[in-house]
């Protein structure tokens, strides 16, 4: 199981893009951390451990959506 520790300003969609390569995989990231979703709706505080799920998908199913703030 892979785990990361949040830094200042992290959000669920930002973490999905940075860790899983696609902001559209935010649902999978949140599903792997249900206890955190109920506590932290938007921004995550610094120093929280977040489980990084292993995402298996066919290449055509992954949209490779780039987060708009990353342009």
PDB file of N, CA and C in Angstrom:
ATOM      1  N   UNK A   1       0.843  -1.174   0.000  1.00  0.00           N
ATOM      2  CA  UNK A   1       0.000   0.000   0.000  1.00  0.00           C
ATOM      3  C   UNK A   1       0.895   1.247   0.000  1.00  0.00           C
ATOM      4  N   UNK A   2       0.628   2.124  -0.947  1.00  0.00           N
ATOM      5  CA  UNK A   2       1.377   3.374  -1.028  1.00  0.00           C
ATOM      6  C   UNK A   2       0.620   4.471  -0.296  1.00  0.00           C
ATOM      7  N   UNK A   3       1.375   5.319   0.381  1.00  0.00           N
ATOM      8  CA  UNK A   3       0.794   6.418   1.142  1.00  0.00           C
ATOM      9  C   UNK A   3       1.603   7.674   0.851  1.00  0.00           C
ATOM     10  N   UNK A   4       0.927   8.796   0.812  1.00  0.00           N
ATOM     11  CA  UNK A   4       1.606  10.080   0.679  1.00  0.00           C
ATOM     12  C   UNK A   4       1.152  10.978   1.820  1.00  0.00           C
ATOM     13  N   UNK A   5       1.925  11.982   2.101  1.00  0.00           N
ATOM     14  CA  UNK A   5       1.574  12.942   3.147  1.00  0.00           C
ATOM     15  C   UNK A   5       1.283  14.275   2.461  1.00  0.00           C
ATOM     16  N   UNK A   6       0.139  14.859   2.805  1.00  0.00           N
ATOM     17  CA  UNK A   6      -0.274  16.098   2.156  1.00  0.00           C
ATOM     18  C   UNK A   6       0.628  17.261   2.533  1.00  0.00           C
ATOM     19  N   UNK A   7       0.657  18.216   1.625  1.00  0.00           N
ATOM     20  CA  UNK A   7       1.376  19.463   1.881  1.00  0.00           C
ATOM     21  C   UNK A   7       0.370  20.605   1.818  1.00  0.00           C
ATOM     22  N   UNK A   8       0.785  21.774   2.202  1.00  0.00           N
ATOM     23  CA  UNK A   8      -0.098  22.930   2.242  1.00  0.00           C
ATOM     24  C   UNK A   8      -0.744  23.164   0.870  1.00  0.00           C
ATOM     25  N   UNK A   9      -2.066  23.323   0.855  1.00  0.00           N
ATOM     26  CA  UNK A   9      -2.802  23.643  -0.360  1.00  0.00           C
ATOM     27  C   UNK A   9      -3.282  22.453  -1.169  1.00  0.00           C
ATOM     28  N   UNK A  10      -3.022  21.230  -0.709  1.00  0.00           N
ATOM     29  CA  UNK A  10      -3.478  20.056  -1.450  1.00  0.00           C
ATOM     30  C   UNK A  10      -4.997  19.947  -1.441  1.00  0.00           C
ATOM     31  N   UNK A  11      -5.524  19.552  -2.591  1.00  0.00           N
ATOM     32  CA  UNK A  11      -6.954  19.268  -2.753  1.00  0.00           C
ATOM     33  C   UNK A  11      -7.073  17.875  -3.360  1.00  0.00           C
ATOM     34  N   UNK A  12      -8.266  17.294  -3.272  1.00  0.00           N
ATOM     35  CA  UNK A  12      -8.481  15.950  -3.811  1.00  0.00           C
ATOM     36  C   UNK A  12      -8.156  15.880  -5.300  1.00  0.00           C
ATOM     37  N   UNK A  13      -8.646  16.835  -6.087  1.00  0.00           N
ATOM     38  CA  UNK A  13      -8.421  16.794  -7.528  1.00  0.00           C
ATOM     39  C   UNK A  13      -6.946  17.012  -7.871  1.00  0.00           C
ATOM     40  N   UNK A  14      -6.284  17.858  -7.123  1.00  0.00           N
ATOM     41  CA  UNK A  14      -4.850  18.100  -7.329  1.00  0.00           C
ATOM     42  C   UNK A  14      -4.043  16.836  -7.038  1.00  0.00           C
ATOM     43  N   UNK A  15      -4.376  16.169  -5.949  1.00  0.00           N
ATOM     44  CA  UNK A  15      -3.689  14.921  -5.605  1.00  0.00           C
ATOM     45  C   UNK A  15      -3.933  13.845  -6.654  1.00  0.00           C
ATOM     46  N   UNK A  16      -5.164  13.742  -7.151  1.00  0.00           N
ATOM     47  CA  UNK A  16      -5.482  12.739  -8.185  1.00  0.00           C
ATOM     48  C   UNK A  16      -4.626  12.974  -9.419  1.00  0.00           C
ATOM     49  N   UNK A  17      -4.488  14.224  -9.806  1.00  0.00           N
ATOM     50  CA  UNK A  17      -3.664  14.537 -10.980  1.00  0.00           C
ATOM     51  C   UNK A  17      -2.190  14.238 -10.712  1.00  0.00           C
ATOM     52  N   UNK A  18      -1.684  14.690  -9.587  1.00  0.00           N
ATOM     53  CA  UNK A  18      -0.267  14.513  -9.266  1.00  0.00           C
ATOM     54  C   UNK A  18       0.113  13.048  -9.019  1.00  0.00           C
ATOM     55  N   UNK A  19      -0.755  12.296  -8.338  1.00  0.00           N
ATOM     56  CA  UNK A  19      -0.420  10.927  -7.942  1.00  0.00           C
ATOM     57  C   UNK A  19      -0.861   9.874  -8.942  1.00  0.00           C
ATOM     58  N   UNK A  20      -2.006  10.107  -9.593  1.00  0.00           N
ATOM     59  CA  UNK A  20      -2.564   9.103 -10.493  1.00  0.00           C
ATOM     60  C   UNK A  20      -2.476   9.508 -11.958  1.00  0.00           C
ATOM     61  N   UNK A  21      -2.067  10.754 -12.201  1.00  0.00           N
ATOM     62  CA  UNK A  21      -1.880  11.204 -13.565  1.00  0.00           C
ATOM     63  C   UNK A  21      -3.116  11.710 -14.263  1.00  0.00           C
ATOM     64  N   UNK A  22      -4.247  11.800 -13.549  1.00  0.00           N
ATOM     65  CA  UNK A  22      -5.493  12.219 -14.176  1.00  0.00           C
ATOM     66  C   UNK A  22      -6.427  12.767 -13.101  1.00  0.00           C
ATOM     67  N   UNK A  23      -6.812  14.028 -13.227  1.00  0.00           N
ATOM     68  CA  UNK A  23      -7.727  14.636 -12.253  1.00  0.00           C
ATOM     69  C   UNK A  23      -9.083  13.943 -12.241  1.00  0.00           C
ATOM     70  N   UNK A  24      -9.445  13.276 -13.336  1.00  0.00           N
ATOM     71  CA  UNK A  24     -10.716  12.558 -13.411  1.00  0.00           C
ATOM     72  C   UNK A  24     -10.739  11.334 -12.487  1.00  0.00           C
ATOM     73  N   UNK A  25      -9.595  10.915 -11.976  1.00  0.00           N
ATOM     74  CA  UNK A  25      -9.528   9.766 -11.068  1.00  0.00           C
ATOM     75  C   UNK A  25      -9.705  10.169  -9.604  1.00  0.00           C
ATOM     76  N   UNK A  26     -10.208  11.359  -9.386  1.00  0.00           N
ATOM     77  CA  UNK A  26     -10.436  11.855  -8.027  1.00  0.00           C
ATOM     78  C   UNK A  26     -11.393  10.947  -7.258  1.00  0.00           C
ATOM     79  N   UNK A  27     -12.371  10.365  -7.941  1.00  0.00           N
ATOM     80  CA  UNK A  27     -13.338   9.469  -7.285  1.00  0.00           C
ATOM     81  C   UNK A  27     -12.635   8.244  -6.714  1.00  0.00           C
ATOM     82  N   UNK A  28     -11.705   7.674  -7.458  1.00  0.00           N
ATOM     83  CA  UNK A  28     -10.961   6.506  -6.988  1.00  0.00           C
ATOM     84  C   UNK A  28     -10.087   6.857  -5.791  1.00  0.00           C
ATOM     85  N   UNK A  29      -9.467   8.030  -5.833  1.00  0.00           N
ATOM     86  CA  UNK A  29      -8.635   8.474  -4.719  1.00  0.00           C
ATOM     87  C   UNK A  29      -9.472   8.678  -3.465  1.00  0.00           C
ATOM     88  N   UNK A  30     -10.606   9.319  -3.619  1.00  0.00           N
ATOM     89  CA  UNK A  30     -11.480   9.554  -2.474  1.00  0.00           C
ATOM     90  C   UNK A  30     -12.066   8.250  -1.939  1.00  0.00           C
ATOM     91  N   UNK A  31     -12.361   7.303  -2.821  1.00  0.00           N
ATOM     92  CA  UNK A  31     -12.903   6.009  -2.393  1.00  0.00           C
ATOM     93  C   UNK A  31     -11.881   5.228  -1.570  1.00  0.00           C
ATOM     94  N   UNK A  32     -10.604   5.437  -1.838  1.00  0.00           N
ATOM     95  CA  UNK A  32      -9.555   4.760  -1.078  1.00  0.00           C
ATOM     96  C   UNK A  32      -9.326   5.399   0.296  1.00  0.00           C
ATOM     97  N   UNK A  33      -9.928   6.577   0.517  1.00  0.00           N
ATOM     98  CA  UNK A  33      -9.752   7.316   1.771  1.00  0.00           C
ATOM     99  C   UNK A  33     -11.089   7.833   2.306  1.00  0.00           C
ATOM    100  N   UNK A  34     -12.075   6.948   2.500  1.00  0.00           N
ATOM    101  CA  UNK A  34     -13.407   7.412   2.896  1.00  0.00           C
ATOM    102  C   UNK A  34     -13.433   8.145   4.239  1.00  0.00           C
ATOM    103  N   UNK A  35     -12.551   7.776   5.136  1.00  0.00           N
ATOM    104  CA  UNK A  35     -12.534   8.434   6.447  1.00  0.00           C
ATOM    105  C   UNK A  35     -12.075   9.883   6.342  1.00  0.00           C
ATOM    106  N   UNK A  36     -11.269  10.197   5.346  1.00  0.00           N
ATOM    107  CA  UNK A  36     -10.799  11.567   5.152  1.00  0.00           C
ATOM    108  C   UNK A  36     -11.821  12.418   4.404  1.00  0.00           C
ATOM    109  N   UNK A  37     -12.562  11.794   3.516  1.00  0.00           N
ATOM    110  CA  UNK A  37     -13.559  12.527   2.731  1.00  0.00           C
ATOM    111  C   UNK A  37     -14.630  13.109   3.636  1.00  0.00           C
ATOM    112  N   UNK A  38     -15.038  12.358   4.636  1.00  0.00           N
ATOM    113  CA  UNK A  38     -16.084  12.831   5.536  1.00  0.00           C
ATOM    114  C   UNK A  38     -15.600  13.993   6.418  1.00  0.00           C
ATOM    115  N   UNK A  39     -14.303  14.102   6.605  1.00  0.00           N
ATOM    116  CA  UNK A  39     -13.754  15.168   7.451  1.00  0.00           C
ATOM    117  C   UNK A  39     -13.324  16.373   6.627  1.00  0.00           C
ATOM    118  N   UNK A  40     -12.637  16.121   5.517  1.00  0.00           N
ATOM    119  CA  UNK A  40     -12.045  17.192   4.714  1.00  0.00           C
ATOM    120  C   UNK A  40     -12.709  17.242   3.351  1.00  0.00           C
ATOM    121  N   UNK A  41     -13.604  18.188   3.169  1.00  0.00           N
ATOM    122  CA  UNK A  41     -14.374  18.279   1.936  1.00  0.00           C
ATOM    123  C   UNK A  41     -13.573  18.844   0.772  1.00  0.00           C
ATOM    124  N   UNK A  42     -12.841  19.900   0.975  1.00  0.00           N
ATOM    125  CA  UNK A  42     -12.106  20.539  -0.112  1.00  0.00           C
ATOM    126  C   UNK A  42     -10.616  20.403   0.066  1.00  0.00           C
ATOM    127  N   UNK A  43     -10.021  21.401   0.684  1.00  0.00           N
ATOM    128  CA  UNK A  43      -8.583  21.386   0.935  1.00  0.00           C
ATOM    129  C   UNK A  43      -8.266  20.429   2.073  1.00  0.00           C
ATOM    130  N   UNK A  44      -7.147  19.757   1.949  1.00  0.00           N
ATOM    131  CA  UNK A  44      -6.674  18.866   3.001  1.00  0.00           C
ATOM    132  C   UNK A  44      -5.598  19.590   3.796  1.00  0.00           C
ATOM    133  N   UNK A  45      -5.603  19.443   5.098  1.00  0.00           N
ATOM    134  CA  UNK A  45      -4.558  20.106   5.880  1.00  0.00           C
ATOM    135  C   UNK A  45      -3.200  19.448   5.641  1.00  0.00           C
ATOM    136  N   UNK A  46      -2.173  20.166   5.930  1.00  0.00           N
ATOM    137  CA  UNK A  46      -0.808  19.671   5.791  1.00  0.00           C
ATOM    138  C   UNK A  46      -0.561  18.537   6.780  1.00  0.00           C
ATOM    139  N   UNK A  47       0.142  17.487   6.319  1.00  0.00           N
ATOM    140  CA  UNK A  47       0.545  16.403   7.208  1.00  0.00           C
ATOM    141  C   UNK A  47      -0.417  15.247   7.333  1.00  0.00           C
ATOM    142  N   UNK A  48      -1.455  15.182   6.508  1.00  0.00           N
ATOM    143  CA  UNK A  48      -2.421  14.081   6.552  1.00  0.00           C
ATOM    144  C   UNK A  48      -1.939  12.962   5.632  1.00  0.00           C
ATOM    145  N   UNK A  49      -1.985  11.715   6.114  1.00  0.00           N
ATOM    146  CA  UNK A  49      -1.603  10.572   5.290  1.00  0.00           C
ATOM    147  C   UNK A  49      -2.771  10.166   4.401  1.00  0.00           C
ATOM    148  N   UNK A  50      -2.506  10.063   3.097  1.00  0.00           N
ATOM    149  CA  UNK A  50      -3.523   9.701   2.110  1.00  0.00           C
ATOM    150  C   UNK A  50      -3.061   8.430   1.402  1.00  0.00           C
ATOM    151  N   UNK A  51      -3.939   7.424   1.351  1.00  0.00           N
ATOM    152  CA  UNK A  51      -3.642   6.173   0.661  1.00  0.00           C
ATOM    153  C   UNK A  51      -3.769   6.403  -0.841  1.00  0.00           C
ATOM    154  N   UNK A  52      -2.783   5.946  -1.597  1.00  0.00           N
ATOM    155  CA  UNK A  52      -2.789   6.061  -3.048  1.00  0.00           C
ATOM    156  C   UNK A  52      -3.260   4.727  -3.616  1.00  0.00           C
ATOM    157  N   UNK A  53      -4.433   4.700  -4.256  1.00  0.00           N
ATOM    158  CA  UNK A  53      -4.938   3.429  -4.779  1.00  0.00           C
ATOM    159  C   UNK A  53      -4.197   3.021  -6.054  1.00  0.00           C
ATOM    160  N   UNK A  54      -4.203   1.725  -6.307  1.00  0.00           N
ATOM    161  CA  UNK A  54      -3.694   1.225  -7.578  1.00  0.00           C
ATOM    162  C   UNK A  54      -4.866   1.247  -8.531  1.00  0.00           C
ATOM    163  N   UNK A  55      -4.738   1.980  -9.614  1.00  0.00           N
ATOM    164  CA  UNK A  55      -5.838   2.135 -10.560  1.00  0.00           C
ATOM    165  C   UNK A  55      -5.519   1.331 -11.801  1.00  0.00           C
ATOM    166  N   UNK A  56      -6.388   0.354 -12.074  1.00  0.00           N
ATOM    167  CA  UNK A  56      -6.265  -0.453 -13.280  1.00  0.00           C
ATOM    168  C   UNK A  56      -7.374  -0.044 -14.229  1.00  0.00           C
ATOM    169  N   UNK A  57      -6.998   0.387 -15.397  1.00  0.00           N
ATOM    170  CA  UNK A  57      -7.985   0.778 -16.395  1.00  0.00           C
ATOM    171  C   UNK A  57      -7.380   0.594 -17.775  1.00  0.00           C
ATOM    172  N   UNK A  58      -8.249   0.321 -18.725  1.00  0.00           N
ATOM    173  CA  UNK A  58      -7.780   0.243 -20.098  1.00  0.00           C
ATOM    174  C   UNK A  58      -7.403   1.636 -20.549  1.00  0.00           C
ATOM    175  N   UNK A  59      -6.426   1.721 -21.411  1.00  0.00           N
ATOM    176  CA  UNK A  59      -5.898   3.020 -21.799  1.00  0.00           C
ATOM    177  C   UNK A  59      -6.966   3.940 -22.375  1.00  0.00           C
ATOM    178  N   UNK A  60      -7.948   3.424 -23.102  1.00  0.00           N
ATOM    179  CA  UNK A  60      -8.984   4.295 -23.661  1.00  0.00           C
ATOM    180  C   UNK A  60      -9.978   4.775 -22.610  1.00  0.00           C
ATOM    181  N   UNK A  61      -9.987   4.155 -21.447  1.00  0.00           N
ATOM    182  CA  UNK A  61     -10.894   4.589 -20.390  1.00  0.00           C
ATOM    183  C   UNK A  61     -10.310   5.748 -19.592  1.00  0.00           C
ATOM    184  N   UNK A  62      -9.009   5.889 -19.573  1.00  0.00           N
ATOM    185  CA  UNK A  62      -8.383   6.987 -18.849  1.00  0.00           C
ATOM    186  C   UNK A  62      -8.383   8.204 -19.758  1.00  0.00           C
ATOM    187  N   UNK A  63      -8.976   9.278 -19.287  1.00  0.00           N
ATOM    188  CA  UNK A  63      -9.161  10.464 -20.130  1.00  0.00           C
ATOM    189  C   UNK A  63      -7.937  11.355 -20.191  1.00  0.00           C
ATOM    190  N   UNK A  64      -7.030  11.229 -19.235  1.00  0.00           N
ATOM    191  CA  UNK A  64      -5.861  12.102 -19.156  1.00  0.00           C
ATOM    192  C   UNK A  64      -6.267  13.563 -19.120  1.00  0.00           C
ATOM    193  N   UNK A  65      -7.269  13.850 -18.305  1.00  0.00           N
ATOM    194  CA  UNK A  65      -7.727  15.228 -18.139  1.00  0.00           C
ATOM    195  C   UNK A  65      -6.670  15.990 -17.360  1.00  0.00           C
ATOM    196  N   UNK A  66      -6.220  17.084 -17.930  1.00  0.00           N
ATOM    197  CA  UNK A  66      -5.249  17.917 -17.249  1.00  0.00           C
ATOM    198  C   UNK A  66      -5.986  18.932 -16.392  1.00  0.00           C
ATOM    199  N   UNK A  67      -5.570  19.076 -15.180  1.00  0.00           N
ATOM    200  CA  UNK A  67      -6.201  20.040 -14.293  1.00  0.00           C
ATOM    201  C   UNK A  67      -6.073  21.440 -14.872  1.00  0.00           C
ATOM    202  N   UNK A  68      -7.147  22.231 -14.892  1.00  0.00           N
ATOM    203  CA  UNK A  68      -7.115  23.546 -15.533  1.00  0.00           C
ATOM    204  C   UNK A  68      -6.058  24.489 -14.963  1.00  0.00           C
ATOM    205  N   UNK A  69      -5.727  24.345 -13.695  1.00  0.00           N
ATOM    206  CA  UNK A  69      -4.747  25.250 -13.081  1.00  0.00           C
ATOM    207  C   UNK A  69      -3.311  24.853 -13.450  1.00  0.00           C
ATOM    208  N   UNK A  70      -3.134  23.700 -14.138  1.00  0.00           N
ATOM    209  CA  UNK A  70      -1.805  23.226 -14.510  1.00  0.00           C
ATOM    210  C   UNK A  70      -1.382  23.737 -15.899  1.00  0.00           C
ATOM    211  N   UNK A  71      -2.238  24.518 -16.574  1.00  0.00           N
ATOM    212  CA  UNK A  71      -1.903  25.020 -17.921  1.00  0.00           C
ATOM    213  C   UNK A  71      -0.799  26.016 -17.897  1.00  0.00           C
TER     214      UNK A  71
END
